[in-house]
């Protein structure tokens, strides 16, 4: 029995997704996700791999829970936002040259 190789005249034949001549990139959607999964965008792929490894390490190896992690992330976000608000208030109240002058004045004393 001779092997059957698909050709152009077999287009009328109904087959599954693996009988067509599509690239894997097209089968995965052909977009950014396909680029990441096929390592065409190395930076994003490495970032996804590191992130997944970190999540696996935290939750499986260290047996860390999601609730304390979310609370610590919320506390860190509030700290960063609060400090940025304080810095913006200081910046809007004083000019940079007056703050520089006050810094020099305190250093001389």
PDB file of N, CA and C in Angstrom:
ATOM      1  N   UNK A   1       0.840  -1.177   0.000  1.00  0.00           N
ATOM      2  CA  UNK A   1       0.000   0.000   0.000  1.00  0.00           C
ATOM      3  C   UNK A   1       0.883   1.237   0.000  1.00  0.00           C
ATOM      4  N   UNK A   2       0.607   2.132  -0.923  1.00  0.00           N
ATOM      5  CA  UNK A   2       1.400   3.343  -1.051  1.00  0.00           C
ATOM      6  C   UNK A   2       0.986   4.360   0.017  1.00  0.00           C
ATOM      7  N   UNK A   3       1.963   5.121   0.546  1.00  0.00           N
ATOM      8  CA  UNK A   3       1.600   6.158   1.530  1.00  0.00           C
ATOM      9  C   UNK A   3       0.866   7.304   0.841  1.00  0.00           C
ATOM     10  N   UNK A   4      -0.014   7.945   1.588  1.00  0.00           N
ATOM     11  CA  UNK A   4      -0.802   9.049   1.048  1.00  0.00           C
ATOM     12  C   UNK A   4      -0.207  10.362   1.546  1.00  0.00           C
ATOM     13  N   UNK A   5       0.205  11.197   0.617  1.00  0.00           N
ATOM     14  CA  UNK A   5       0.717  12.519   0.949  1.00  0.00           C
ATOM     15  C   UNK A   5      -0.320  13.546   0.516  1.00  0.00           C
ATOM     16  N   UNK A   6      -0.715  14.449   1.445  1.00  0.00           N
ATOM     17  CA  UNK A   6      -1.715  15.453   1.055  1.00  0.00           C
ATOM     18  C   UNK A   6      -1.161  16.386  -0.010  1.00  0.00           C
ATOM     19  N   UNK A   7      -1.980  16.766  -0.920  1.00  0.00           N
ATOM     20  CA  UNK A   7      -1.569  17.685  -1.976  1.00  0.00           C
ATOM     21  C   UNK A   7      -2.675  18.704  -2.198  1.00  0.00           C
ATOM     22  N   UNK A   8      -2.488  19.546  -3.178  1.00  0.00           N
ATOM     23  CA  UNK A   8      -3.442  20.620  -3.435  1.00  0.00           C
ATOM     24  C   UNK A   8      -4.798  20.090  -3.897  1.00  0.00           C
ATOM     25  N   UNK A   9      -4.852  18.951  -4.559  1.00  0.00           N
ATOM     26  CA  UNK A   9      -6.128  18.461  -5.062  1.00  0.00           C
ATOM     27  C   UNK A   9      -6.953  17.780  -3.970  1.00  0.00           C
ATOM     28  N   UNK A  10      -6.451  17.701  -2.731  1.00  0.00           N
ATOM     29  CA  UNK A  10      -7.195  17.110  -1.619  1.00  0.00           C
ATOM     30  C   UNK A  10      -7.976  18.157  -0.815  1.00  0.00           C
ATOM     31  N   UNK A  11      -8.161  19.348  -1.358  1.00  0.00           N
ATOM     32  CA  UNK A  11      -8.816  20.414  -0.602  1.00  0.00           C
ATOM     33  C   UNK A  11     -10.261  20.088  -0.275  1.00  0.00           C
ATOM     34  N   UNK A  12     -10.935  19.316  -1.074  1.00  0.00           N
ATOM     35  CA  UNK A  12     -12.321  18.969  -0.830  1.00  0.00           C
ATOM     36  C   UNK A  12     -12.483  17.979   0.315  1.00  0.00           C
ATOM     37  N   UNK A  13     -11.435  17.309   0.677  1.00  0.00           N
ATOM     38  CA  UNK A  13     -11.484  16.299   1.723  1.00  0.00           C
ATOM     39  C   UNK A  13     -11.571  16.978   3.087  1.00  0.00           C
ATOM     40  N   UNK A  14     -12.471  16.524   3.934  1.00  0.00           N
ATOM     41  CA  UNK A  14     -12.627  17.095   5.265  1.00  0.00           C
ATOM     42  C   UNK A  14     -11.674  16.373   6.197  1.00  0.00           C
ATOM     43  N   UNK A  15     -10.847  17.149   6.920  1.00  0.00           N
ATOM     44  CA  UNK A  15      -9.894  16.554   7.854  1.00  0.00           C
ATOM     45  C   UNK A  15      -9.848  17.372   9.126  1.00  0.00           C
ATOM     46  N   UNK A  16      -9.176  16.844  10.086  1.00  0.00           N
ATOM     47  CA  UNK A  16      -9.043  17.547  11.360  1.00  0.00           C
ATOM     48  C   UNK A  16      -8.027  18.663  11.273  1.00  0.00           C
ATOM     49  N   UNK A  17      -7.788  19.344  12.382  1.00  0.00           N
ATOM     50  CA  UNK A  17      -6.862  20.480  12.356  1.00  0.00           C
ATOM     51  C   UNK A  17      -5.417  20.061  12.117  1.00  0.00           C
ATOM     52  N   UNK A  18      -5.099  18.795  12.320  1.00  0.00           N
ATOM     53  CA  UNK A  18      -3.725  18.347  12.149  1.00  0.00           C
ATOM     54  C   UNK A  18      -3.442  17.850  10.740  1.00  0.00           C
ATOM     55  N   UNK A  19      -4.473  17.808   9.881  1.00  0.00           N
ATOM     56  CA  UNK A  19      -4.276  17.375   8.498  1.00  0.00           C
ATOM     57  C   UNK A  19      -4.040  18.554   7.568  1.00  0.00           C
ATOM     58  N   UNK A  20      -4.116  19.765   8.073  1.00  0.00           N
ATOM     59  CA  UNK A  20      -3.901  20.944   7.253  1.00  0.00           C
ATOM     60  C   UNK A  20      -2.442  21.354   7.317  1.00  0.00           C
ATOM     61  N   UNK A  21      -2.060  22.211   6.401  1.00  0.00           N
ATOM     62  CA  UNK A  21      -0.683  22.688   6.348  1.00  0.00           C
ATOM     63  C   UNK A  21      -0.587  24.082   6.960  1.00  0.00           C
ATOM     64  N   UNK A  22      -0.944  24.216   8.213  1.00  0.00           N
ATOM     65  CA  UNK A  22      -0.828  25.487   8.919  1.00  0.00           C
ATOM     66  C   UNK A  22       0.389  25.429   9.837  1.00  0.00           C
ATOM     67  N   UNK A  23       0.968  26.575  10.066  1.00  0.00           N
ATOM     68  CA  UNK A  23       2.082  26.610  10.991  1.00  0.00           C
ATOM     69  C   UNK A  23       1.558  26.572  12.416  1.00  0.00           C
ATOM     70  N   UNK A  24       2.425  26.209  13.337  1.00  0.00           N
ATOM     71  CA  UNK A  24       2.052  26.181  14.749  1.00  0.00           C
ATOM     72  C   UNK A  24       1.710  27.581  15.213  1.00  0.00           C
ATOM     73  N   UNK A  25       2.403  28.578  14.678  1.00  0.00           N
ATOM     74  CA  UNK A  25       2.134  29.965  15.038  1.00  0.00           C
ATOM     75  C   UNK A  25       0.688  30.342  14.700  1.00  0.00           C
ATOM     76  N   UNK A  26       0.209  29.907  13.534  1.00  0.00           N
ATOM     77  CA  UNK A  26      -1.178  30.191  13.158  1.00  0.00           C
ATOM     78  C   UNK A  26      -2.157  29.390  14.010  1.00  0.00           C
ATOM     79  N   UNK A  27      -1.805  28.145  14.353  1.00  0.00           N
ATOM     80  CA  UNK A  27      -2.687  27.331  15.185  1.00  0.00           C
ATOM     81  C   UNK A  27      -2.840  27.919  16.582  1.00  0.00           C
ATOM     82  N   UNK A  28      -1.808  28.613  17.076  1.00  0.00           N
ATOM     83  CA  UNK A  28      -1.873  29.238  18.398  1.00  0.00           C
ATOM     84  C   UNK A  28      -2.497  30.624  18.363  1.00  0.00           C
ATOM     85  N   UNK A  29      -2.965  31.066  17.225  1.00  0.00           N
ATOM     86  CA  UNK A  29      -3.651  32.338  17.120  1.00  0.00           C
ATOM     87  C   UNK A  29      -2.874  33.379  16.360  1.00  0.00           C
ATOM     88  N   UNK A  30      -1.567  33.203  16.218  1.00  0.00           N
ATOM     89  CA  UNK A  30      -0.757  34.100  15.415  1.00  0.00           C
ATOM     90  C   UNK A  30      -0.490  35.455  16.017  1.00  0.00           C
ATOM     91  N   UNK A  31      -0.783  35.662  17.279  1.00  0.00           N
ATOM     92  CA  UNK A  31      -0.579  36.972  17.891  1.00  0.00           C
ATOM     93  C   UNK A  31       0.552  36.970  18.902  1.00  0.00           C
ATOM     94  N   UNK A  32       0.396  37.849  19.891  1.00  0.00           N
ATOM     95  CA  UNK A  32       1.420  38.016  20.921  1.00  0.00           C
ATOM     96  C   UNK A  32       1.565  36.752  21.773  1.00  0.00           C
ATOM     97  N   UNK A  33       0.433  36.087  22.061  1.00  0.00           N
ATOM     98  CA  UNK A  33       0.488  34.872  22.879  1.00  0.00           C
ATOM     99  C   UNK A  33       1.273  33.778  22.150  1.00  0.00           C
ATOM    100  N   UNK A  34       1.059  33.659  20.866  1.00  0.00           N
ATOM    101  CA  UNK A  34       1.802  32.662  20.090  1.00  0.00           C
ATOM    102  C   UNK A  34       3.291  32.992  20.080  1.00  0.00           C
ATOM    103  N   UNK A  35       3.626  34.285  19.976  1.00  0.00           N
ATOM    104  CA  UNK A  35       5.033  34.681  20.022  1.00  0.00           C
ATOM    105  C   UNK A  35       5.670  34.317  21.354  1.00  0.00           C
ATOM    106  N   UNK A  36       4.931  34.507  22.450  1.00  0.00           N
ATOM    107  CA  UNK A  36       5.474  34.193  23.775  1.00  0.00           C
ATOM    108  C   UNK A  36       5.625  32.688  23.948  1.00  0.00           C
ATOM    109  N   UNK A  37       4.609  31.922  23.540  1.00  0.00           N
ATOM    110  CA  UNK A  37       4.675  30.468  23.706  1.00  0.00           C
ATOM    111  C   UNK A  37       5.754  29.829  22.843  1.00  0.00           C
ATOM    112  N   UNK A  38       6.030  30.404  21.685  1.00  0.00           N
ATOM    113  CA  UNK A  38       7.038  29.846  20.783  1.00  0.00           C
ATOM    114  C   UNK A  38       8.410  30.498  20.945  1.00  0.00           C
ATOM    115  N   UNK A  39       8.590  31.332  21.968  1.00  0.00           N
ATOM    116  CA  UNK A  39       9.851  31.993  22.305  1.00  0.00           C
ATOM    117  C   UNK A  39      10.360  32.878  21.169  1.00  0.00           C
ATOM    118  N   UNK A  40       9.433  33.503  20.422  1.00  0.00           N
ATOM    119  CA  UNK A  40       9.870  34.458  19.404  1.00  0.00           C
ATOM    120  C   UNK A  40      10.171  35.804  20.034  1.00  0.00           C
ATOM    121  N   UNK A  41       9.504  36.109  21.159  1.00  0.00           N
ATOM    122  CA  UNK A  41       9.783  37.307  21.938  1.00  0.00           C
ATOM    123  C   UNK A  41      10.447  36.834  23.232  1.00  0.00           C
ATOM    124  N   UNK A  42      11.775  36.812  23.245  1.00  0.00           N
ATOM    125  CA  UNK A  42      12.510  36.193  24.345  1.00  0.00           C
ATOM    126  C   UNK A  42      12.309  36.877  25.682  1.00  0.00           C
ATOM    127  N   UNK A  43      12.219  38.208  25.678  1.00  0.00           N
ATOM    128  CA  UNK A  43      12.061  38.922  26.946  1.00  0.00           C
ATOM    129  C   UNK A  43      10.739  38.579  27.618  1.00  0.00           C
ATOM    130  N   UNK A  44       9.653  38.619  26.855  1.00  0.00           N
ATOM    131  CA  UNK A  44       8.347  38.276  27.420  1.00  0.00           C
ATOM    132  C   UNK A  44       8.300  36.813  27.839  1.00  0.00           C
ATOM    133  N   UNK A  45       8.857  35.934  27.029  1.00  0.00           N
ATOM    134  CA  UNK A  45       8.842  34.508  27.361  1.00  0.00           C
ATOM    135  C   UNK A  45       9.619  34.232  28.636  1.00  0.00           C
ATOM    136  N   UNK A  46      10.775  34.866  28.780  1.00  0.00           N
ATOM    137  CA  UNK A  46      11.568  34.688  29.990  1.00  0.00           C
ATOM    138  C   UNK A  46      10.831  35.269  31.198  1.00  0.00           C
ATOM    139  N   UNK A  47      10.167  36.401  31.030  1.00  0.00           N
ATOM    140  CA  UNK A  47       9.399  36.991  32.117  1.00  0.00           C
ATOM    141  C   UNK A  47       8.259  36.095  32.572  1.00  0.00           C
ATOM    142  N   UNK A  48       7.563  35.504  31.610  1.00  0.00           N
ATOM    143  CA  UNK A  48       6.474  34.580  31.944  1.00  0.00           C
ATOM    144  C   UNK A  48       7.025  33.355  32.659  1.00  0.00           C
ATOM    145  N   UNK A  49       8.150  32.832  32.195  1.00  0.00           N
ATOM    146  CA  UNK A  49       8.753  31.665  32.829  1.00  0.00           C
ATOM    147  C   UNK A  49       9.204  31.976  34.248  1.00  0.00           C
ATOM    148  N   UNK A  50       9.844  33.120  34.455  1.00  0.00           N
ATOM    149  CA  UNK A  50      10.294  33.509  35.798  1.00  0.00           C
ATOM    150  C   UNK A  50       9.095  33.745  36.707  1.00  0.00           C
ATOM    151  N   UNK A  51       8.057  34.414  36.203  1.00  0.00           N
ATOM    152  CA  UNK A  51       6.859  34.659  37.007  1.00  0.00           C
ATOM    153  C   UNK A  51       6.164  33.372  37.409  1.00  0.00           C
ATOM    154  N   UNK A  52       6.020  32.442  36.482  1.00  0.00           N
ATOM    155  CA  UNK A  52       5.387  31.163  36.792  1.00  0.00           C
ATOM    156  C   UNK A  52       6.221  30.362  37.786  1.00  0.00           C
ATOM    157  N   UNK A  53       7.549  30.418  37.636  1.00  0.00           N
ATOM    158  CA  UNK A  53       8.424  29.718  38.577  1.00  0.00           C
ATOM    159  C   UNK A  53       8.329  30.315  39.970  1.00  0.00           C
ATOM    160  N   UNK A  54       8.274  31.639  40.055  1.00  0.00           N
ATOM    161  CA  UNK A  54       8.139  32.312  41.346  1.00  0.00           C
ATOM    162  C   UNK A  54       6.816  31.960  42.012  1.00  0.00           C
ATOM    163  N   UNK A  55       5.730  31.965  41.247  1.00  0.00           N
ATOM    164  CA  UNK A  55       4.423  31.599  41.799  1.00  0.00           C
ATOM    165  C   UNK A  55       4.433  30.152  42.268  1.00  0.00           C
ATOM    166  N   UNK A  56       5.004  29.257  41.474  1.00  0.00           N
ATOM    167  CA  UNK A  56       5.097  27.855  41.874  1.00  0.00           C
ATOM    168  C   UNK A  56       5.916  27.712  43.152  1.00  0.00           C
ATOM    169  N   UNK A  57       7.045  28.415  43.228  1.00  0.00           N
ATOM    170  CA  UNK A  57       7.914  28.327  44.402  1.00  0.00           C
ATOM    171  C   UNK A  57       7.193  28.832  45.651  1.00  0.00           C
ATOM    172  N   UNK A  58       6.514  29.970  45.528  1.00  0.00           N
ATOM    173  CA  UNK A  58       5.833  30.538  46.698  1.00  0.00           C
ATOM    174  C   UNK A  58       4.706  29.642  47.199  1.00  0.00           C
ATOM    175  N   UNK A  59       3.880  29.166  46.309  1.00  0.00           N
ATOM    176  CA  UNK A  59       2.682  28.456  46.744  1.00  0.00           C
ATOM    177  C   UNK A  59       2.889  26.962  46.940  1.00  0.00           C
ATOM    178  N   UNK A  60       3.813  26.350  46.246  1.00  0.00           N
ATOM    179  CA  UNK A  60       3.984  24.903  46.362  1.00  0.00           C
ATOM    180  C   UNK A  60       5.149  24.539  47.280  1.00  0.00           C
ATOM    181  N   UNK A  61       6.286  25.165  47.104  1.00  0.00           N
ATOM    182  CA  UNK A  61       7.469  24.792  47.887  1.00  0.00           C
ATOM    183  C   UNK A  61       7.418  25.422  49.270  1.00  0.00           C
ATOM    184  N   UNK A  62       7.189  26.729  49.337  1.00  0.00           N
ATOM    185  CA  UNK A  62       7.186  27.441  50.613  1.00  0.00           C
ATOM    186  C   UNK A  62       5.837  27.300  51.317  1.00  0.00           C
ATOM    187  N   UNK A  63       4.795  26.877  50.589  1.00  0.00           N
ATOM    188  CA  UNK A  63       3.431  26.723  51.094  1.00  0.00           C
ATOM    189  C   UNK A  63       2.885  28.038  51.632  1.00  0.00           C
ATOM    190  N   UNK A  64       3.104  29.107  50.857  1.00  0.00           N
ATOM    191  CA  UNK A  64       2.622  30.436  51.202  1.00  0.00           C
ATOM    192  C   UNK A  64       1.171  30.551  50.761  1.00  0.00           C
ATOM    193  N   UNK A  65       0.369  31.302  51.498  1.00  0.00           N
ATOM    194  CA  UNK A  65      -1.046  31.476  51.168  1.00  0.00           C
ATOM    195  C   UNK A  65      -1.247  32.756  50.366  1.00  0.00           C
ATOM    196  N   UNK A  66      -2.353  32.807  49.645  1.00  0.00           N
ATOM    197  CA  UNK A  66      -2.631  33.945  48.774  1.00  0.00           C
ATOM    198  C   UNK A  66      -3.068  35.172  49.566  1.00  0.00           C
ATOM    199  N   UNK A  67      -3.781  34.986  50.681  1.00  0.00           N
ATOM    200  CA  UNK A  67      -4.319  36.128  51.429  1.00  0.00           C
ATOM    201  C   UNK A  67      -3.201  36.993  52.017  1.00  0.00           C
ATOM    202  N   UNK A  68      -2.199  36.426  52.719  1.00  0.00           N
ATOM    203  CA  UNK A  68      -1.114  37.286  53.216  1.00  0.00           C
ATOM    204  C   UNK A  68      -0.334  37.963  52.092  1.00  0.00           C
ATOM    205  N   UNK A  69      -0.178  37.287  50.962  1.00  0.00           N
ATOM    206  CA  UNK A  69       0.524  37.880  49.838  1.00  0.00           C
ATOM    207  C   UNK A  69      -0.240  39.096  49.304  1.00  0.00           C
ATOM    208  N   UNK A  70      -1.553  38.968  49.146  1.00  0.00           N
ATOM    209  CA  UNK A  70      -2.358  40.093  48.674  1.00  0.00           C
ATOM    210  C   UNK A  70      -2.343  41.243  49.675  1.00  0.00           C
ATOM    211  N   UNK A  71      -2.360  40.923  50.972  1.00  0.00           N
ATOM    212  CA  UNK A  71      -2.303  41.978  51.995  1.00  0.00           C
ATOM    213  C   UNK A  71      -0.966  42.710  51.946  1.00  0.00           C
ATOM    214  N   UNK A  72       0.122  41.993  51.790  1.00  0.00           N
ATOM    215  CA  UNK A  72       1.439  42.640  51.720  1.00  0.00           C
ATOM    216  C   UNK A  72       1.573  43.483  50.457  1.00  0.00           C
ATOM    217  N   UNK A  73       1.023  43.015  49.350  1.00  0.00           N
ATOM    218  CA  UNK A  73       1.045  43.811  48.123  1.00  0.00           C
ATOM    219  C   UNK A  73       0.227  45.081  48.310  1.00  0.00           C
ATOM    220  N   UNK A  74      -0.928  44.992  48.983  1.00  0.00           N
ATOM    221  CA  UNK A  74      -1.762  46.169  49.228  1.00  0.00           C
ATOM    222  C   UNK A  74      -1.048  47.160  50.142  1.00  0.00           C
ATOM    223  N   UNK A  75      -0.376  46.673  51.175  1.00  0.00           N
ATOM    224  CA  UNK A  75       0.370  47.557  52.079  1.00  0.00           C
ATOM    225  C   UNK A  75       1.497  48.258  51.330  1.00  0.00           C
ATOM    226  N   UNK A  76       2.215  47.528  50.502  1.00  0.00           N
ATOM    227  CA  UNK A  76       3.296  48.124  49.717  1.00  0.00           C
ATOM    228  C   UNK A  76       2.754  49.174  48.747  1.00  0.00           C
ATOM    229  N   UNK A  77       1.622  48.895  48.117  1.00  0.00           N
ATOM    230  CA  UNK A  77       1.023  49.861  47.191  1.00  0.00           C
ATOM    231  C   UNK A  77       0.595  51.124  47.930  1.00  0.00           C
ATOM    232  N   UNK A  78       0.007  50.963  49.116  1.00  0.00           N
ATOM    233  CA  UNK A  78      -0.395  52.145  49.896  1.00  0.00           C
ATOM    234  C   UNK A  78       0.816  52.958  50.326  1.00  0.00           C
ATOM    235  N   UNK A  79       1.909  52.290  50.685  1.00  0.00           N
ATOM    236  CA  UNK A  79       3.126  52.984  51.083  1.00  0.00           C
ATOM    237  C   UNK A  79       3.705  53.787  49.922  1.00  0.00           C
ATOM    238  N   UNK A  80       3.752  53.185  48.752  1.00  0.00           N
ATOM    239  CA  UNK A  80       4.297  53.870  47.575  1.00  0.00           C
ATOM    240  C   UNK A  80       3.409  55.048  47.180  1.00  0.00           C
ATOM    241  N   UNK A  81       2.096  54.837  47.139  1.00  0.00           N
ATOM    242  CA  UNK A  81       1.181  55.913  46.759  1.00  0.00           C
ATOM    243  C   UNK A  81       1.225  57.039  47.779  1.00  0.00           C
ATOM    244  N   UNK A  82       1.266  56.700  49.070  1.00  0.00           N
ATOM    245  CA  UNK A  82       1.337  57.722  50.111  1.00  0.00           C
ATOM    246  C   UNK A  82       2.603  58.544  50.031  1.00  0.00           C
ATOM    247  N   UNK A  83       3.735  57.884  49.817  1.00  0.00           N
ATOM    248  CA  UNK A  83       4.990  58.629  49.727  1.00  0.00           C
ATOM    249  C   UNK A  83       5.027  59.499  48.469  1.00  0.00           C
ATOM    250  N   UNK A  84       4.439  59.029  47.371  1.00  0.00           N
ATOM    251  CA  UNK A  84       4.369  59.860  46.168  1.00  0.00           C
ATOM    252  C   UNK A  84       3.469  61.074  46.379  1.00  0.00           C
ATOM    253  N   UNK A  85       2.374  60.897  47.128  1.00  0.00           N
ATOM    254  CA  UNK A  85       1.500  62.031  47.424  1.00  0.00           C
ATOM    255  C   UNK A  85       2.216  63.065  48.293  1.00  0.00           C
ATOM    256  N   UNK A  86       2.964  62.592  49.298  1.00  0.00           N
ATOM    257  CA  UNK A  86       3.711  63.511  50.158  1.00  0.00           C
ATOM    258  C   UNK A  86       4.757  64.260  49.345  1.00  0.00           C
ATOM    259  N   UNK A  87       5.473  63.551  48.482  1.00  0.00           N
ATOM    260  CA  UNK A  87       6.477  64.211  47.647  1.00  0.00           C
ATOM    261  C   UNK A  87       5.849  65.216  46.680  1.00  0.00           C
ATOM    262  N   UNK A  88       4.677  64.907  46.151  1.00  0.00           N
ATOM    263  CA  UNK A  88       4.037  65.855  45.239  1.00  0.00           C
ATOM    264  C   UNK A  88       3.560  67.095  45.993  1.00  0.00           C
ATOM    265  N   UNK A  89       3.086  66.924  47.234  1.00  0.00           N
ATOM    266  CA  UNK A  89       2.690  68.085  48.037  1.00  0.00           C
ATOM    267  C   UNK A  89       3.890  68.962  48.363  1.00  0.00           C
ATOM    268  N   UNK A  90       5.009  68.342  48.723  1.00  0.00           N
ATOM    269  CA  UNK A  90       6.224  69.108  48.999  1.00  0.00           C
ATOM    270  C   UNK A  90       6.684  69.829  47.741  1.00  0.00           C
ATOM    271  N   UNK A  91       6.631  69.145  46.619  1.00  0.00           N
ATOM    272  CA  UNK A  91       7.066  69.751  45.365  1.00  0.00           C
ATOM    273  C   UNK A  91       6.186  70.900  44.923  1.00  0.00           C
ATOM    274  N   UNK A  92       4.880  70.812  45.205  1.00  0.00           N
ATOM    275  CA  UNK A  92       3.993  71.901  44.788  1.00  0.00           C
ATOM    276  C   UNK A  92       4.055  73.080  45.760  1.00  0.00           C
ATOM    277  N   UNK A  93       4.472  72.839  47.009  1.00  0.00           N
ATOM    278  CA  UNK A  93       4.534  73.918  47.999  1.00  0.00           C
ATOM    279  C   UNK A  93       5.810  74.740  47.888  1.00  0.00           C
ATOM    280  N   UNK A  94       6.904  74.109  47.549  1.00  0.00           N
ATOM    281  CA  UNK A  94       8.205  74.783  47.501  1.00  0.00           C
ATOM    282  C   UNK A  94       8.790  74.651  46.105  1.00  0.00           C
ATOM    283  N   UNK A  95       9.614  75.603  45.761  1.00  0.00           N
ATOM    284  CA  UNK A  95      10.347  75.468  44.511  1.00  0.00           C
ATOM    285  C   UNK A  95      11.623  74.670  44.783  1.00  0.00           C
ATOM    286  N   UNK A  96      12.185  74.121  43.752  1.00  0.00           N
ATOM    287  CA  UNK A  96      13.378  73.292  43.914  1.00  0.00           C
ATOM    288  C   UNK A  96      14.554  74.101  44.453  1.00  0.00           C
ATOM    289  N   UNK A  97      14.674  75.340  44.031  1.00  0.00           N
ATOM    290  CA  UNK A  97      15.809  76.161  44.480  1.00  0.00           C
ATOM    291  C   UNK A  97      15.704  76.484  45.961  1.00  0.00           C
ATOM    292  N   UNK A  98      14.467  76.694  46.475  1.00  0.00           N
ATOM    293  CA  UNK A  98      14.344  76.969  47.904  1.00  0.00           C
ATOM    294  C   UNK A  98      14.640  75.722  48.724  1.00  0.00           C
ATOM    295  N   UNK A  99      14.243  74.556  48.240  1.00  0.00           N
ATOM    296  CA  UNK A  99      14.585  73.316  48.945  1.00  0.00           C
ATOM    297  C   UNK A  99      16.091  73.082  48.920  1.00  0.00           C
ATOM    298  N   UNK A 100      16.730  73.403  47.813  1.00  0.00           N
ATOM    299  CA  UNK A 100      18.175  73.274  47.706  1.00  0.00           C
ATOM    300  C   UNK A 100      18.867  74.239  48.655  1.00  0.00           C
ATOM    301  N   UNK A 101      18.339  75.448  48.762  1.00  0.00           N
ATOM    302  CA  UNK A 101      18.901  76.444  49.669  1.00  0.00           C
ATOM    303  C   UNK A 101      18.737  75.990  51.122  1.00  0.00           C
ATOM    304  N   UNK A 102      17.574  75.431  51.488  1.00  0.00           N
ATOM    305  CA  UNK A 102      17.366  74.942  52.849  1.00  0.00           C
ATOM    306  C   UNK A 102      18.312  73.789  53.161  1.00  0.00           C
ATOM    307  N   UNK A 103      18.560  72.938  52.184  1.00  0.00           N
ATOM    308  CA  UNK A 103      19.494  71.831  52.385  1.00  0.00           C
ATOM    309  C   UNK A 103      20.905  72.324  52.628  1.00  0.00           C
ATOM    310  N   UNK A 104      21.324  73.318  51.887  1.00  0.00           N
ATOM    311  CA  UNK A 104      22.653  73.904  52.079  1.00  0.00           C
ATOM    312  C   UNK A 104      22.730  74.624  53.412  1.00  0.00           C
ATOM    313  N   UNK A 105      21.645  75.292  53.814  1.00  0.00           N
ATOM    314  CA  UNK A 105      21.630  76.026  55.074  1.00  0.00           C
ATOM    315  C   UNK A 105      21.767  75.058  56.252  1.00  0.00           C
ATOM    316  N   UNK A 106      21.081  73.921  56.192  1.00  0.00           N
ATOM    317  CA  UNK A 106      21.161  72.946  57.271  1.00  0.00           C
ATOM    318  C   UNK A 106      22.513  72.247  57.302  1.00  0.00           C
ATOM    319  N   UNK A 107      23.139  72.096  56.167  1.00  0.00           N
ATOM    320  CA  UNK A 107      24.443  71.440  56.117  1.00  0.00           C
ATOM    321  C   UNK A 107      25.540  72.351  56.689  1.00  0.00           C
ATOM    322  N   UNK A 108      25.416  73.648  56.518  1.00  0.00           N
ATOM    323  CA  UNK A 108      26.427  74.600  57.018  1.00  0.00           C
ATOM    324  C   UNK A 108      26.358  74.677  58.542  1.00  0.00           C
ATOM    325  N   UNK A 109      25.177  74.594  59.133  1.00  0.00           N
ATOM    326  CA  UNK A 109      25.034  74.727  60.578  1.00  0.00           C
ATOM    327  C   UNK A 109      25.761  73.693  61.315  1.00  0.00           C
TER     328      UNK A 109
END
